[in-house]
């Protein structure tokens, strides 16, 4: 404890000086006249052809394309056909089926055209109302009633 300097001051709350970036030469010359430390950096890509991408940019773009996430799988065409044929057999329009399943008619349209992302809950509703298997194997097969023991 004998080495402690009790006369030194510690200032708390002063901001450190940040480097000022200037773009015009008059500010740069004024800083030089005052004796401030001046550093100049030339831009590497200044005045270059921006449309020409060097090999580094091409490699990075290729890596980006490789890391892209694949789009989610769509409903199989056989499922759409099975929904459509079962709906026609029961003489439902897409609007009727939509009302019975509490879905929008556009959802039924997407499933029938094969553009929808499969959702087990929606497919379960369709299976129950249409009486046709839409998941797993045997797609389009008629559902049987509950098994009796």
C-alpha atoms as a PDB file:
ATOM      1  CA  UNK A   1       0.000   0.000   0.000  1.00  0.00           C
ATOM      2  CA  UNK A   2       3.004   2.321   0.273  1.00  0.00           C
ATOM      3  CA  UNK A   3       3.287   2.626  -3.545  1.00  0.00           C
ATOM      4  CA  UNK A   4      -0.099   4.358  -3.987  1.00  0.00           C
ATOM      5  CA  UNK A   5       0.031   7.849  -5.466  1.00  0.00           C
ATOM      6  CA  UNK A   6      -2.658   9.831  -3.620  1.00  0.00           C
ATOM      7  CA  UNK A   7      -2.116  13.045  -5.595  1.00  0.00           C
ATOM      8  CA  UNK A   8      -3.037  11.700  -9.088  1.00  0.00           C
ATOM      9  CA  UNK A   9      -6.414  12.528 -10.581  1.00  0.00           C
ATOM     10  CA  UNK A  10      -8.664  10.125 -12.449  1.00  0.00           C
ATOM     11  CA  UNK A  11     -11.205  11.802 -14.689  1.00  0.00           C
ATOM     12  CA  UNK A  12     -14.373   9.823 -15.244  1.00  0.00           C
ATOM     13  CA  UNK A  13     -16.843  10.533 -18.026  1.00  0.00           C
ATOM     14  CA  UNK A  14     -14.702  12.166 -20.682  1.00  0.00           C
ATOM     15  CA  UNK A  15     -15.271  10.983 -24.221  1.00  0.00           C
ATOM     16  CA  UNK A  16     -12.408   9.660 -26.238  1.00  0.00           C
ATOM     17  CA  UNK A  17     -11.691  11.603 -29.392  1.00  0.00           C
ATOM     18  CA  UNK A  18     -12.929   9.810 -32.446  1.00  0.00           C
ATOM     19  CA  UNK A  19     -11.344  10.061 -35.842  1.00  0.00           C
ATOM     20  CA  UNK A  20     -13.012  12.550 -38.152  1.00  0.00           C
ATOM     21  CA  UNK A  21     -13.561  11.581 -41.738  1.00  0.00           C
ATOM     22  CA  UNK A  22     -13.431  14.424 -44.211  1.00  0.00           C
ATOM     23  CA  UNK A  23     -14.091  14.390 -47.898  1.00  0.00           C
ATOM     24  CA  UNK A  24     -12.890  17.814 -48.989  1.00  0.00           C
ATOM     25  CA  UNK A  25      -9.342  19.118 -49.156  1.00  0.00           C
ATOM     26  CA  UNK A  26      -9.985  22.370 -47.241  1.00  0.00           C
ATOM     27  CA  UNK A  27     -10.776  20.471 -44.016  1.00  0.00           C
ATOM     28  CA  UNK A  28      -7.730  18.284 -44.587  1.00  0.00           C
ATOM     29  CA  UNK A  29      -5.439  21.315 -45.013  1.00  0.00           C
ATOM     30  CA  UNK A  30      -6.926  23.002 -41.936  1.00  0.00           C
ATOM     31  CA  UNK A  31      -6.149  19.919 -39.864  1.00  0.00           C
ATOM     32  CA  UNK A  32      -2.588  19.875 -41.150  1.00  0.00           C
ATOM     33  CA  UNK A  33      -2.143  23.576 -40.243  1.00  0.00           C
ATOM     34  CA  UNK A  34      -3.286  22.968 -36.654  1.00  0.00           C
ATOM     35  CA  UNK A  35      -0.772  20.141 -36.299  1.00  0.00           C
ATOM     36  CA  UNK A  36      -3.301  17.314 -35.954  1.00  0.00           C
ATOM     37  CA  UNK A  37      -2.317  13.807 -36.917  1.00  0.00           C
ATOM     38  CA  UNK A  38      -3.617  13.222 -40.433  1.00  0.00           C
ATOM     39  CA  UNK A  39      -3.870   9.885 -42.178  1.00  0.00           C
ATOM     40  CA  UNK A  40      -5.119   9.526 -45.738  1.00  0.00           C
ATOM     41  CA  UNK A  41      -6.393   6.281 -47.202  1.00  0.00           C
ATOM     42  CA  UNK A  42      -7.158   5.766 -50.870  1.00  0.00           C
ATOM     43  CA  UNK A  43     -10.176   3.654 -51.671  1.00  0.00           C
ATOM     44  CA  UNK A  44      -9.191   0.384 -53.272  1.00  0.00           C
ATOM     45  CA  UNK A  45     -12.144   0.137 -55.629  1.00  0.00           C
ATOM     46  CA  UNK A  46     -12.457   3.834 -56.486  1.00  0.00           C
ATOM     47  CA  UNK A  47     -13.078   4.465 -60.162  1.00  0.00           C
ATOM     48  CA  UNK A  48     -13.132   0.815 -61.040  1.00  0.00           C
ATOM     49  CA  UNK A  49     -15.608  -0.968 -63.239  1.00  0.00           C
ATOM     50  CA  UNK A  50     -18.373  -1.888 -60.831  1.00  0.00           C
ATOM     51  CA  UNK A  51     -20.090  -4.265 -63.235  1.00  0.00           C
ATOM     52  CA  UNK A  52     -16.963  -6.412 -63.465  1.00  0.00           C
ATOM     53  CA  UNK A  53     -16.879  -8.792 -60.527  1.00  0.00           C
ATOM     54  CA  UNK A  54     -13.501 -10.262 -59.768  1.00  0.00           C
ATOM     55  CA  UNK A  55     -12.909 -13.935 -59.046  1.00  0.00           C
ATOM     56  CA  UNK A  56     -13.343 -13.388 -55.292  1.00  0.00           C
ATOM     57  CA  UNK A  57     -16.875 -12.096 -55.763  1.00  0.00           C
ATOM     58  CA  UNK A  58     -17.711 -14.967 -58.076  1.00  0.00           C
ATOM     59  CA  UNK A  59     -16.478 -17.512 -55.541  1.00  0.00           C
ATOM     60  CA  UNK A  60     -18.456 -15.867 -52.737  1.00  0.00           C
ATOM     61  CA  UNK A  61     -21.621 -15.822 -54.861  1.00  0.00           C
ATOM     62  CA  UNK A  62     -21.144 -19.505 -55.627  1.00  0.00           C
ATOM     63  CA  UNK A  63     -20.819 -20.280 -51.915  1.00  0.00           C
ATOM     64  CA  UNK A  64     -23.992 -18.303 -51.240  1.00  0.00           C
ATOM     65  CA  UNK A  65     -25.882 -20.308 -53.843  1.00  0.00           C
ATOM     66  CA  UNK A  66     -24.658 -23.584 -52.338  1.00  0.00           C
ATOM     67  CA  UNK A  67     -25.835 -22.592 -48.856  1.00  0.00           C
ATOM     68  CA  UNK A  68     -29.344 -21.581 -49.905  1.00  0.00           C
ATOM     69  CA  UNK A  69     -32.152 -23.411 -48.201  1.00  0.00           C
ATOM     70  CA  UNK A  70     -34.160 -25.675 -50.463  1.00  0.00           C
ATOM     71  CA  UNK A  71     -37.807 -24.709 -50.868  1.00  0.00           C
ATOM     72  CA  UNK A  72     -40.248 -26.761 -48.797  1.00  0.00           C
ATOM     73  CA  UNK A  73     -41.733 -29.821 -50.503  1.00  0.00           C
ATOM     74  CA  UNK A  74     -45.047 -29.452 -52.302  1.00  0.00           C
ATOM     75  CA  UNK A  75     -48.021 -31.804 -52.242  1.00  0.00           C
ATOM     76  CA  UNK A  76     -47.659 -34.745 -54.580  1.00  0.00           C
ATOM     77  CA  UNK A  77     -49.766 -34.614 -57.752  1.00  0.00           C
ATOM     78  CA  UNK A  78     -51.435 -37.916 -56.816  1.00  0.00           C
ATOM     79  CA  UNK A  79     -52.803 -36.289 -53.636  1.00  0.00           C
ATOM     80  CA  UNK A  80     -54.311 -33.444 -55.657  1.00  0.00           C
ATOM     81  CA  UNK A  81     -55.904 -35.891 -58.082  1.00  0.00           C
ATOM     82  CA  UNK A  82     -57.281 -37.979 -55.197  1.00  0.00           C
ATOM     83  CA  UNK A  83     -58.818 -34.897 -53.562  1.00  0.00           C
ATOM     84  CA  UNK A  84     -60.350 -33.793 -56.832  1.00  0.00           C
ATOM     85  CA  UNK A  85     -61.854 -37.185 -57.752  1.00  0.00           C
ATOM     86  CA  UNK A  86     -63.232 -37.773 -54.245  1.00  0.00           C
ATOM     87  CA  UNK A  87     -64.707 -34.274 -54.223  1.00  0.00           C
ATOM     88  CA  UNK A  88     -66.369 -34.870 -57.603  1.00  0.00           C
ATOM     89  CA  UNK A  89     -67.779 -38.226 -56.447  1.00  0.00           C
ATOM     90  CA  UNK A  90     -69.411 -36.545 -53.449  1.00  0.00           C
ATOM     91  CA  UNK A  91     -70.541 -33.731 -55.790  1.00  0.00           C
ATOM     92  CA  UNK A  92     -68.825 -31.015 -53.727  1.00  0.00           C
ATOM     93  CA  UNK A  93     -67.517 -27.831 -55.249  1.00  0.00           C
ATOM     94  CA  UNK A  94     -64.215 -26.446 -53.984  1.00  0.00           C
ATOM     95  CA  UNK A  95     -66.257 -23.867 -52.087  1.00  0.00           C
ATOM     96  CA  UNK A  96     -68.389 -26.596 -50.425  1.00  0.00           C
ATOM     97  CA  UNK A  97     -65.307 -28.533 -49.342  1.00  0.00           C
ATOM     98  CA  UNK A  98     -63.742 -25.317 -48.060  1.00  0.00           C
ATOM     99  CA  UNK A  99     -66.798 -24.592 -45.905  1.00  0.00           C
ATOM    100  CA  UNK A 100     -66.888 -28.134 -44.510  1.00  0.00           C
ATOM    101  CA  UNK A 101     -63.189 -28.022 -43.580  1.00  0.00           C
ATOM    102  CA  UNK A 102     -63.172 -24.376 -42.400  1.00  0.00           C
ATOM    103  CA  UNK A 103     -60.499 -23.539 -44.971  1.00  0.00           C
ATOM    104  CA  UNK A 104     -60.377 -20.980 -47.760  1.00  0.00           C
ATOM    105  CA  UNK A 105     -61.272 -22.105 -51.280  1.00  0.00           C
ATOM    106  CA  UNK A 106     -57.768 -21.055 -52.374  1.00  0.00           C
ATOM    107  CA  UNK A 107     -56.337 -23.712 -50.018  1.00  0.00           C
ATOM    108  CA  UNK A 108     -58.347 -26.444 -51.748  1.00  0.00           C
ATOM    109  CA  UNK A 109     -57.269 -25.053 -55.112  1.00  0.00           C
ATOM    110  CA  UNK A 110     -53.596 -25.136 -54.068  1.00  0.00           C
ATOM    111  CA  UNK A 111     -53.860 -28.733 -52.836  1.00  0.00           C
ATOM    112  CA  UNK A 112     -55.580 -29.908 -56.002  1.00  0.00           C
ATOM    113  CA  UNK A 113     -53.050 -28.173 -58.252  1.00  0.00           C
ATOM    114  CA  UNK A 114     -50.078 -29.469 -56.219  1.00  0.00           C
ATOM    115  CA  UNK A 115     -48.827 -26.030 -55.163  1.00  0.00           C
ATOM    116  CA  UNK A 116     -49.570 -26.329 -51.439  1.00  0.00           C
ATOM    117  CA  UNK A 117     -47.095 -27.233 -48.723  1.00  0.00           C
ATOM    118  CA  UNK A 118     -48.483 -30.373 -47.049  1.00  0.00           C
ATOM    119  CA  UNK A 119     -50.121 -29.864 -43.668  1.00  0.00           C
ATOM    120  CA  UNK A 120     -51.159 -32.987 -41.756  1.00  0.00           C
ATOM    121  CA  UNK A 121     -54.116 -31.252 -40.078  1.00  0.00           C
ATOM    122  CA  UNK A 122     -55.612 -30.042 -43.355  1.00  0.00           C
ATOM    123  CA  UNK A 123     -55.028 -33.401 -45.024  1.00  0.00           C
ATOM    124  CA  UNK A 124     -56.709 -35.082 -42.034  1.00  0.00           C
ATOM    125  CA  UNK A 125     -59.784 -32.863 -42.480  1.00  0.00           C
ATOM    126  CA  UNK A 126     -59.929 -33.730 -46.175  1.00  0.00           C
ATOM    127  CA  UNK A 127     -59.597 -37.454 -45.399  1.00  0.00           C
ATOM    128  CA  UNK A 128     -62.427 -37.329 -42.852  1.00  0.00           C
ATOM    129  CA  UNK A 129     -64.874 -35.423 -45.065  1.00  0.00           C
ATOM    130  CA  UNK A 130     -64.039 -37.066 -48.401  1.00  0.00           C
ATOM    131  CA  UNK A 131     -63.541 -40.581 -46.996  1.00  0.00           C
ATOM    132  CA  UNK A 132     -60.332 -41.068 -48.983  1.00  0.00           C
ATOM    133  CA  UNK A 133     -56.805 -41.758 -47.783  1.00  0.00           C
ATOM    134  CA  UNK A 134     -54.473 -38.845 -48.636  1.00  0.00           C
ATOM    135  CA  UNK A 135     -51.390 -39.563 -46.496  1.00  0.00           C
ATOM    136  CA  UNK A 136     -48.863 -42.390 -46.500  1.00  0.00           C
ATOM    137  CA  UNK A 137     -49.222 -45.258 -48.943  1.00  0.00           C
ATOM    138  CA  UNK A 138     -52.442 -46.166 -50.776  1.00  0.00           C
ATOM    139  CA  UNK A 139     -53.267 -42.538 -51.612  1.00  0.00           C
ATOM    140  CA  UNK A 140     -56.767 -42.345 -53.098  1.00  0.00           C
ATOM    141  CA  UNK A 141     -57.989 -45.551 -51.449  1.00  0.00           C
ATOM    142  CA  UNK A 142     -61.394 -45.403 -49.781  1.00  0.00           C
ATOM    143  CA  UNK A 143     -61.304 -45.231 -46.010  1.00  0.00           C
ATOM    144  CA  UNK A 144     -63.052 -48.033 -44.213  1.00  0.00           C
ATOM    145  CA  UNK A 145     -65.147 -47.563 -41.121  1.00  0.00           C
ATOM    146  CA  UNK A 146     -63.841 -48.333 -37.650  1.00  0.00           C
ATOM    147  CA  UNK A 147     -62.490 -51.852 -37.228  1.00  0.00           C
ATOM    148  CA  UNK A 148     -64.764 -54.226 -35.344  1.00  0.00           C
ATOM    149  CA  UNK A 149     -63.210 -56.749 -32.989  1.00  0.00           C
END
